[in-house]
C-alpha atoms as a PDB file:
ATOM      1  CA  MET A   1      -5.555  78.935  16.986  1.00  0.00           C
ATOM      2  CA  ASN A   2      -4.675  82.794  18.382  1.00  0.00           C
ATOM      3  CA  LEU A   3      -0.959  83.575  20.098  1.00  0.00           C
ATOM      4  CA  LEU A   4      -2.164  83.145  23.638  1.00  0.00           C
ATOM      5  CA  HIS A   5      -3.766  80.133  23.316  1.00  0.00           C
ATOM      6  CA  GLN A   6      -0.630  79.328  21.585  1.00  0.00           C
ATOM      7  CA  VAL A   7       1.802  80.531  24.660  1.00  0.00           C
ATOM      8  CA  ALA A   8      -0.776  78.568  27.299  1.00  0.00           C
ATOM      9  CA  THR A   9      -0.499  75.380  25.061  1.00  0.00           C
ATOM     10  CA  LEU A  10       3.056  75.186  25.698  1.00  0.00           C
ATOM     11  CA  ALA A  11       3.161  76.960  28.464  1.00  0.00           C
ATOM     12  CA  ARG A  12       1.327  73.857  29.867  1.00  0.00           C
ATOM     13  CA  ARG A  13       3.481  71.547  28.707  1.00  0.00           C
ATOM     14  CA  SER A  14       6.963  72.849  29.813  1.00  0.00           C
ATOM     15  CA  VAL A  15       5.164  73.584  33.741  1.00  0.00           C
ATOM     16  CA  LEU A  16       4.133  69.743  33.822  1.00  0.00           C
ATOM     17  CA  ASN A  17       7.256  68.578  32.315  1.00  0.00           C
ATOM     18  CA  THR A  18       8.939  71.066  34.955  1.00  0.00           C
ATOM     19  CA  LEU A  19       7.191  69.535  37.719  1.00  0.00           C
ATOM     20  CA  ARG A  20       7.486  65.827  36.668  1.00  0.00           C
ATOM     21  CA  GLN A  21      11.204  66.406  37.085  1.00  0.00           C
ATOM     22  CA  PRO A  22      12.195  67.326  40.575  1.00  0.00           C
ATOM     23  CA  ALA A  23      15.404  66.198  40.145  1.00  0.00           C
ATOM     24  CA  SER A  24      16.253  69.120  38.015  1.00  0.00           C
ATOM     25  CA  LEU A  25      14.241  71.475  40.659  1.00  0.00           C
ATOM     26  CA  VAL A  26      15.184  70.235  43.826  1.00  0.00           C
ATOM     27  CA  PRO A  27      19.462  71.310  42.958  1.00  0.00           C
ATOM     28  CA  ALA A  28      18.435  74.480  41.831  1.00  0.00           C
ATOM     29  CA  ILE A  29      16.920  75.064  45.632  1.00  0.00           C
ATOM     30  CA  VAL A  30      19.401  73.479  47.721  1.00  0.00           C
ATOM     31  CA  PHE A  31      22.986  74.470  46.173  1.00  0.00           C
ATOM     32  CA  PRO A  32      21.698  78.177  46.938  1.00  0.00           C
ATOM     33  CA  LEU A  33      20.680  77.823  50.398  1.00  0.00           C
ATOM     34  CA  MET A  34      23.443  75.830  51.203  1.00  0.00           C
ATOM     35  CA  PHE A  35      25.868  78.905  49.584  1.00  0.00           C
ATOM     36  CA  MET A  36      23.993  81.336  51.094  1.00  0.00           C
ATOM     37  CA  ALA A  37      24.302  79.470  54.761  1.00  0.00           C
ATOM     38  CA  VAL A  38      28.101  79.103  54.176  1.00  0.00           C
ATOM     39  CA  THR A  39      28.779  82.676  52.303  1.00  0.00           C
ATOM     40  CA  THR A  40      27.061  84.282  55.279  1.00  0.00           C
ATOM     41  CA  ALA A  41      28.892  82.527  58.128  1.00  0.00           C
ATOM     42  CA  GLY A  42      32.229  83.423  56.307  1.00  0.00           C
ATOM     43  CA  ALA A  43      31.625  86.908  55.619  1.00  0.00           C
ATOM     44  CA  GLY A  44      28.991  87.705  58.150  1.00  0.00           C
ATOM     45  CA  ARG A  45      31.239  90.670  59.996  1.00  0.00           C
ATOM     46  CA  ALA A  46      31.260  92.420  57.074  1.00  0.00           C
ATOM     47  CA  ALA A  47      28.423  94.310  58.068  1.00  0.00           C
ATOM     48  CA  LEU A  48      30.248  95.556  60.825  1.00  0.00           C
ATOM     49  CA  ILE A  49      32.124  97.712  58.124  1.00  0.00           C
ATOM     50  CA  PRO A  50      31.580 101.226  58.442  1.00  0.00           C
ATOM     51  CA  GLY A  51      28.670 102.606  56.371  1.00  0.00           C
ATOM     52  CA  PHE A  52      27.736  99.162  55.044  1.00  0.00           C
ATOM     53  CA  PRO A  53      24.611  99.432  53.596  1.00  0.00           C
ATOM     54  CA  ALA A  54      22.389  96.509  55.870  1.00  0.00           C
ATOM     55  CA  LYS A  55      22.056  95.683  58.899  1.00  0.00           C
ATOM     56  CA  SER A  56      22.995  92.239  58.836  1.00  0.00           C
ATOM     57  CA  TYR A  57      25.134  90.310  55.698  1.00  0.00           C
ATOM     58  CA  LEU A  58      22.241  87.699  55.139  1.00  0.00           C
ATOM     59  CA  ASP A  59      20.070  90.670  54.675  1.00  0.00           C
ATOM     60  CA  PHE A  60      22.643  92.161  51.908  1.00  0.00           C
ATOM     61  CA  TYR A  61      23.056  88.572  50.630  1.00  0.00           C
ATOM     62  CA  LEU A  62      19.774  87.302  50.244  1.00  0.00           C
ATOM     63  CA  ALA A  63      19.016  89.029  46.912  1.00  0.00           C
ATOM     64  CA  GLY A  64      22.090  87.662  45.314  1.00  0.00           C
ATOM     65  CA  ALA A  65      20.954  83.980  46.877  1.00  0.00           C
ATOM     66  CA  LEU A  66      17.781  84.171  44.734  1.00  0.00           C
ATOM     67  CA  VAL A  67      19.584  85.367  41.683  1.00  0.00           C
ATOM     68  CA  ASN A  68      21.953  82.512  42.197  1.00  0.00           C
ATOM     69  CA  GLY A  69      18.785  80.109  42.130  1.00  0.00           C
ATOM     70  CA  THR A  70      16.927  81.491  39.110  1.00  0.00           C
ATOM     71  CA  LEU A  71      20.420  81.287  37.343  1.00  0.00           C
ATOM     72  CA  LEU A  72      20.203  77.652  37.624  1.00  0.00           C
ATOM     73  CA  GLY A  73      16.394  77.301  36.994  1.00  0.00           C
ATOM     74  CA  GLY A  74      17.252  79.296  33.425  1.00  0.00           C
ATOM     75  CA  ILE A  75      19.804  77.398  32.275  1.00  0.00           C
ATOM     76  CA  SER A  76      17.787  74.445  32.566  1.00  0.00           C
ATOM     77  CA  ALA A  77      14.983  76.168  30.447  1.00  0.00           C
ATOM     78  CA  GLY A  78      17.218  76.469  27.818  1.00  0.00           C
ATOM     79  CA  THR A  79      18.374  73.091  27.699  1.00  0.00           C
ATOM     80  CA  ALA A  80      15.069  71.837  27.865  1.00  0.00           C
ATOM     81  CA  LEU A  81      14.678  73.802  24.618  1.00  0.00           C
ATOM     82  CA  ALA A  82      17.876  72.330  22.809  1.00  0.00           C
ATOM     83  CA  VAL A  83      16.688  68.984  24.114  1.00  0.00           C
ATOM     84  CA  ASP A  84      13.310  69.631  22.126  1.00  0.00           C
ATOM     85  CA  ILE A  85      15.887  71.038  18.938  1.00  0.00           C
ATOM     86  CA  GLU A  86      17.919  67.828  19.156  1.00  0.00           C
ATOM     87  CA  GLN A  87      14.796  65.432  18.732  1.00  0.00           C
ATOM     88  CA  GLY A  88      13.073  67.358  16.005  1.00  0.00           C
ATOM     89  CA  PHE A  89       9.962  68.615  18.414  1.00  0.00           C
ATOM     90  CA  VAL A  90      10.831  72.355  17.505  1.00  0.00           C
ATOM     91  CA  ARG A  91      11.178  72.118  13.671  1.00  0.00           C
ATOM     92  CA  ARG A  92       7.862  70.346  13.590  1.00  0.00           C
ATOM     93  CA  LEU A  93       6.164  73.119  15.399  1.00  0.00           C
ATOM     94  CA  LEU A  94       7.967  75.742  13.480  1.00  0.00           C
ATOM     95  CA  LEU A  95       6.424  73.682  10.406  1.00  0.00           C
ATOM     96  CA  THR A  96       3.060  74.548  11.645  1.00  0.00           C
ATOM     97  CA  PRO A  97       1.301  77.725  11.808  1.00  0.00           C
ATOM     98  CA  MET A  98       2.500  78.072  15.499  1.00  0.00           C
ATOM     99  CA  GLN A  99       4.272  81.792  15.844  1.00  0.00           C
ATOM    100  CA  ARG A 100       7.891  81.555  16.766  1.00  0.00           C
ATOM    101  CA  PRO A 101       6.838  83.996  19.971  1.00  0.00           C
ATOM    102  CA  ALA A 102       4.639  81.350  21.232  1.00  0.00           C
ATOM    103  CA  VAL A 103       7.659  78.720  20.893  1.00  0.00           C
ATOM    104  CA  LEU A 104       9.522  80.306  22.629  1.00  0.00           C
ATOM    105  CA  ILE A 105       7.837  82.069  25.283  1.00  0.00           C
ATOM    106  CA  GLY A 106       5.995  78.644  25.886  1.00  0.00           C
ATOM    107  CA  HIS A 107       9.101  76.528  25.914  1.00  0.00           C
ATOM    108  CA  VAL A 108      10.182  78.671  28.828  1.00  0.00           C
ATOM    109  CA  SER A 109       7.195  79.464  30.924  1.00  0.00           C
ATOM    110  CA  GLY A 110       8.513  76.414  33.045  1.00  0.00           C
ATOM    111  CA  ALA A 111      11.387  78.752  34.508  1.00  0.00           C
ATOM    112  CA  MET A 112       8.705  81.623  35.933  1.00  0.00           C
ATOM    113  CA  LEU A 113       7.261  78.522  38.029  1.00  0.00           C
ATOM    114  CA  VAL A 114      10.817  77.376  39.037  1.00  0.00           C
ATOM    115  CA  GLY A 115      11.434  80.936  39.643  1.00  0.00           C
ATOM    116  CA  PHE A 116       8.425  81.032  41.697  1.00  0.00           C
ATOM    117  CA  ILE A 117       9.282  78.128  43.653  1.00  0.00           C
ATOM    118  CA  GLN A 118      12.768  79.274  44.105  1.00  0.00           C
ATOM    119  CA  GLY A 119      11.949  83.040  45.282  1.00  0.00           C
ATOM    120  CA  THR A 120       9.393  81.697  47.421  1.00  0.00           C
ATOM    121  CA  VAL A 121      11.512  79.376  49.488  1.00  0.00           C
ATOM    122  CA  ILE A 122      14.669  80.785  49.271  1.00  0.00           C
ATOM    123  CA  LEU A 123      13.036  84.201  50.819  1.00  0.00           C
ATOM    124  CA  ALA A 124      11.067  82.173  53.642  1.00  0.00           C
ATOM    125  CA  ALA A 125      14.524  80.184  54.537  1.00  0.00           C
ATOM    126  CA  GLY A 126      16.043  84.074  54.842  1.00  0.00           C
ATOM    127  CA  LEU A 127      13.388  85.168  56.743  1.00  0.00           C
ATOM    128  CA  ILE A 128      13.213  82.246  59.011  1.00  0.00           C
ATOM    129  CA  ALA A 129      17.358  82.662  59.513  1.00  0.00           C
ATOM    130  CA  GLY A 130      16.295  86.146  60.835  1.00  0.00           C
ATOM    131  CA  ALA A 131      16.376  88.331  57.515  1.00  0.00           C
ATOM    132  CA  ARG A 132      13.811  91.121  57.257  1.00  0.00           C
ATOM    133  CA  VAL A 133      12.090  92.551  54.323  1.00  0.00           C
ATOM    134  CA  ARG A 134      11.932  96.598  54.967  1.00  0.00           C
ATOM    135  CA  ALA A 135       9.576  96.864  52.583  1.00  0.00           C
ATOM    136  CA  GLY A 136       7.217  94.798  53.676  1.00  0.00           C
ATOM    137  CA  ILE A 137       4.788  92.276  52.601  1.00  0.00           C
ATOM    138  CA  GLY A 138       4.337  94.324  49.545  1.00  0.00           C
ATOM    139  CA  GLY A 139       7.704  94.649  49.185  1.00  0.00           C
ATOM    140  CA  ALA A 140       8.323  90.291  50.095  1.00  0.00           C
ATOM    141  CA  VAL A 141       5.672  90.051  46.872  1.00  0.00           C
ATOM    142  CA  LEU A 142       7.130  92.206  44.399  1.00  0.00           C
ATOM    143  CA  VAL A 143      11.188  89.844  45.137  1.00  0.00           C
ATOM    144  CA  VAL A 144       9.289  87.041  44.397  1.00  0.00           C
ATOM    145  CA  ALA A 145       7.952  88.691  41.294  1.00  0.00           C
ATOM    146  CA  PHE A 146      11.647  90.150  40.516  1.00  0.00           C
ATOM    147  CA  ALA A 147      12.643  86.529  41.138  1.00  0.00           C
ATOM    148  CA  MET A 148      10.326  85.127  38.427  1.00  0.00           C
ATOM    149  CA  LEU A 149      11.133  88.187  35.920  1.00  0.00           C
ATOM    150  CA  VAL A 150      14.775  87.405  36.373  1.00  0.00           C
ATOM    151  CA  SER A 151      14.556  83.750  36.003  1.00  0.00           C
ATOM    152  CA  LEU A 152      12.613  84.026  32.601  1.00  0.00           C
ATOM    153  CA  THR A 153      15.509  86.480  31.287  1.00  0.00           C
ATOM    154  CA  PHE A 154      17.937  83.916  32.463  1.00  0.00           C
ATOM    155  CA  ALA A 155      15.522  81.411  30.496  1.00  0.00           C
ATOM    156  CA  SER A 156      15.466  83.954  27.418  1.00  0.00           C
ATOM    157  CA  ILE A 157      19.538  84.155  26.963  1.00  0.00           C
ATOM    158  CA  GLY A 158      19.501  79.971  27.602  1.00  0.00           C
ATOM    159  CA  ALA A 159      16.769  79.526  24.960  1.00  0.00           C
ATOM    160  CA  LEU A 160      19.348  81.751  22.531  1.00  0.00           C
ATOM    161  CA  ILE A 161      22.205  79.610  23.053  1.00  0.00           C
ATOM    162  CA  ALA A 162      19.902  76.355  22.290  1.00  0.00           C
ATOM    163  CA  ALA A 163      18.471  78.199  19.016  1.00  0.00           C
ATOM    164  CA  ARG A 164      21.616  78.834  17.764  1.00  0.00           C
ATOM    165  CA  THR A 165      23.757  75.973  18.752  1.00  0.00           C
ATOM    166  CA  GLY A 166      20.918  73.177  19.019  1.00  0.00           C
ATOM    167  CA  SER A 167      23.055  71.271  21.326  1.00  0.00           C
ATOM    168  CA  SER A 168      21.788  70.543  25.125  1.00  0.00           C
ATOM    169  CA  GLU A 169      25.244  70.230  26.056  1.00  0.00           C
ATOM    170  CA  ALA A 170      26.497  73.159  24.362  1.00  0.00           C
ATOM    171  CA  THR A 171      23.709  75.011  26.620  1.00  0.00           C
ATOM    172  CA  GLN A 172      24.713  73.487  29.756  1.00  0.00           C
ATOM    173  CA  SER A 173      28.386  74.272  29.467  1.00  0.00           C
ATOM    174  CA  VAL A 174      27.473  78.081  29.514  1.00  0.00           C
ATOM    175  CA  PHE A 175      26.687  77.775  33.280  1.00  0.00           C
ATOM    176  CA  PRO A 176      29.600  78.509  34.662  1.00  0.00           C
ATOM    177  CA  LEU A 177      30.042  81.292  32.065  1.00  0.00           C
ATOM    178  CA  PHE A 178      26.841  83.029  33.616  1.00  0.00           C
ATOM    179  CA  PHE A 179      28.044  82.208  37.071  1.00  0.00           C
ATOM    180  CA  ILE A 180      31.095  84.261  36.450  1.00  0.00           C
ATOM    181  CA  VAL A 181      28.982  86.980  34.779  1.00  0.00           C
ATOM    182  CA  MET A 182      27.108  86.993  38.508  1.00  0.00           C
ATOM    183  CA  ILE A 183      30.331  86.820  40.228  1.00  0.00           C
ATOM    184  CA  PHE A 184      31.325  90.071  38.611  1.00  0.00           C
ATOM    185  CA  SER A 185      28.258  92.434  39.757  1.00  0.00           C
ATOM    186  CA  SER A 186      27.375  93.201  43.403  1.00  0.00           C
ATOM    187  CA  TYR A 187      27.145  89.643  44.215  1.00  0.00           C
ATOM    188  CA  PHE A 188      29.099  89.530  47.428  1.00  0.00           C
ATOM    189  CA  MET A 189      29.905  93.351  48.497  1.00  0.00           C
ATOM    190  CA  PRO A 190      28.248  96.604  47.644  1.00  0.00           C
ATOM    191  CA  ARG A 191      29.888  98.411  44.281  1.00  0.00           C
ATOM    192  CA  SER A 192      31.089 101.181  46.477  1.00  0.00           C
ATOM    193  CA  PHE A 193      33.531  98.916  48.848  1.00  0.00           C
ATOM    194  CA  ILE A 194      35.079  96.885  45.399  1.00  0.00           C
ATOM    195  CA  GLY A 195      38.921  98.696  45.880  1.00  0.00           C
ATOM    196  CA  VAL A 196      39.983  97.281  42.647  1.00  0.00           C
ATOM    197  CA  HIS A 197      38.726  99.889  40.212  1.00  0.00           C
ATOM    198  CA  TRP A 198      38.634  97.651  36.990  1.00  0.00           C
ATOM    199  CA  PHE A 199      36.184  94.989  38.887  1.00  0.00           C
ATOM    200  CA  ARG A 200      34.160  97.812  39.878  1.00  0.00           C
ATOM    201  CA  ALA A 201      33.827  98.948  36.727  1.00  0.00           C
ATOM    202  CA  ILE A 202      32.227  95.634  35.390  1.00  0.00           C
ATOM    203  CA  ALA A 203      30.061  95.619  38.034  1.00  0.00           C
ATOM    204  CA  THR A 204      28.582  98.696  36.793  1.00  0.00           C
ATOM    205  CA  TYR A 205      28.257  97.940  33.685  1.00  0.00           C
ATOM    206  CA  ASN A 206      27.126  94.377  34.651  1.00  0.00           C
ATOM    207  CA  PRO A 207      23.174  94.360  33.723  1.00  0.00           C
ATOM    208  CA  VAL A 208      22.692  91.571  36.881  1.00  0.00           C
ATOM    209  CA  THR A 209      24.140  93.697  39.463  1.00  0.00           C
ATOM    210  CA  TYR A 210      20.789  95.877  38.646  1.00  0.00           C
ATOM    211  CA  MET A 211      18.616  93.121  39.456  1.00  0.00           C
ATOM    212  CA  ILE A 212      20.638  92.157  42.612  1.00  0.00           C
ATOM    213  CA  GLU A 213      20.428  95.764  43.606  1.00  0.00           C
ATOM    214  CA  ALA A 214      16.905  96.036  42.586  1.00  0.00           C
ATOM    215  CA  MET A 215      15.601  93.196  44.662  1.00  0.00           C
ATOM    216  CA  ARG A 216      18.315  93.935  47.443  1.00  0.00           C
ATOM    217  CA  SER A 217      17.144  97.586  47.676  1.00  0.00           C
ATOM    218  CA  LEU A 218      13.473  96.099  48.728  1.00  0.00           C
ATOM    219  CA  ILE A 219      15.281  93.815  51.761  1.00  0.00           C
ATOM    220  CA  THR A 220      17.658  96.202  52.999  1.00  0.00           C
ATOM    221  CA  HIS A 221      16.555  99.965  52.480  1.00  0.00           C
ATOM    222  CA  GLY A 222      12.426  99.741  51.148  1.00  0.00           C
ATOM    223  CA  TRP A 223      10.798 101.411  48.169  1.00  0.00           C
ATOM    224  CA  ASP A 224      13.732 102.736  46.158  1.00  0.00           C
ATOM    225  CA  VAL A 225      11.999 103.810  42.868  1.00  0.00           C
ATOM    226  CA  ARG A 226      15.359 104.180  41.189  1.00  0.00           C
ATOM    227  CA  ALA A 227      16.736 100.875  41.909  1.00  0.00           C
ATOM    228  CA  LEU A 228      13.497  99.094  41.407  1.00  0.00           C
ATOM    229  CA  GLY A 229      13.949 101.354  37.630  1.00  0.00           C
ATOM    230  CA  LEU A 230      17.122 100.376  37.233  1.00  0.00           C
ATOM    231  CA  GLY A 231      16.290  96.664  37.515  1.00  0.00           C
ATOM    232  CA  PHE A 232      13.492  96.395  35.241  1.00  0.00           C
ATOM    233  CA  ALA A 233      15.222  98.052  32.649  1.00  0.00           C
ATOM    234  CA  ALA A 234      18.231  95.427  32.724  1.00  0.00           C
ATOM    235  CA  ILE A 235      15.073  92.538  32.743  1.00  0.00           C
ATOM    236  CA  LEU A 236      13.396  94.174  30.040  1.00  0.00           C
ATOM    237  CA  GLY A 237      16.617  94.744  28.021  1.00  0.00           C
ATOM    238  CA  LEU A 238      18.280  91.180  28.655  1.00  0.00           C
ATOM    239  CA  ALA A 239      14.987  89.601  27.992  1.00  0.00           C
ATOM    240  CA  SER A 240      14.291  91.242  25.123  1.00  0.00           C
ATOM    241  CA  LEU A 241      18.064  90.538  23.423  1.00  0.00           C
ATOM    242  CA  GLY A 242      17.318  86.695  24.161  1.00  0.00           C
ATOM    243  CA  PHE A 243      13.847  86.498  22.880  1.00  0.00           C
ATOM    244  CA  LEU A 244      14.792  88.411  19.599  1.00  0.00           C
ATOM    245  CA  GLY A 245      18.236  86.630  19.008  1.00  0.00           C
ATOM    246  CA  ALA A 246      16.435  83.300  19.324  1.00  0.00           C
ATOM    247  CA  ALA A 247      13.624  84.317  17.183  1.00  0.00           C
ATOM    248  CA  SER A 248      16.053  84.511  14.697  1.00  0.00           C
ATOM    249  CA  SER A 249      18.029  81.672  15.187  1.00  0.00           C
ATOM    250  CA  LEU A 250      15.239  79.934  15.169  1.00  0.00           C
ATOM    251  CA  ARG A 251      13.967  81.254  11.599  1.00  0.00           C
ATOM    252  CA  THR A 252      17.568  80.816  10.254  1.00  0.00           C
ATOM    253  CA  ARG A 253      17.591  76.742  11.734  1.00  0.00           C
ATOM    254  CA  LEU A 254      13.796  76.734   9.774  1.00  0.00           C
ATOM    255  CA  ALA A 255      15.428  78.032   6.180  1.00  0.00           C
ATOM    256  CA  ARG A 256      18.091  75.204   6.709  1.00  0.00           C
ATOM    257  CA  THR A 257      15.861  72.701   6.663  1.00  0.00           C
END
């Protein structure tokens, strides 16, 4: 069985498990929508500041809401992998001809489905509320595609934690840390508007900033090749780190058994 067939087999299982557990999917959509409603209502006048890079705060914040949602989906995917490790399912897979990349990619494929659903629903809610995607229909499609890739990226980091700890509880416990990392980005405010030097420095070196700004550029400005390129680079870098680290941890875990 070749790699693609192996990935497809485990991906089908991951997607079906995701669809069978709406209780884990609904909060990942409802929470970002509620947070978006509260945040835009409270900070809406920020768009009146001279030089603000969007016509409304909703336009500016919408990309952050999308990343917020994919963060939840990524953690759920990592937790699902940790559960399979605890139950011995992954160990049994690794003792077969199943390749490690297939084990990892197949397990987190459900995160991409969640990212697609989240991206579509949250973007639609934003458009209904009055947001506009300046890049047009093609830009809206790319925003959803970015949401899927960001979800996969967070899932890869979740998989790394799951593979290293082998504990679903430990994997779930990193959510506050992930949320803090997201907060220390341009999530709430443009980097040029951040007056605290150390905060702006962290946001500048934070890869999450560039994921948000890539999607935000499509909503607030149109087609910005530089922002999109930096966003793709951040996704590629973090996803590579997550998957390579997870594969190494699974190799170590197999050697111990």
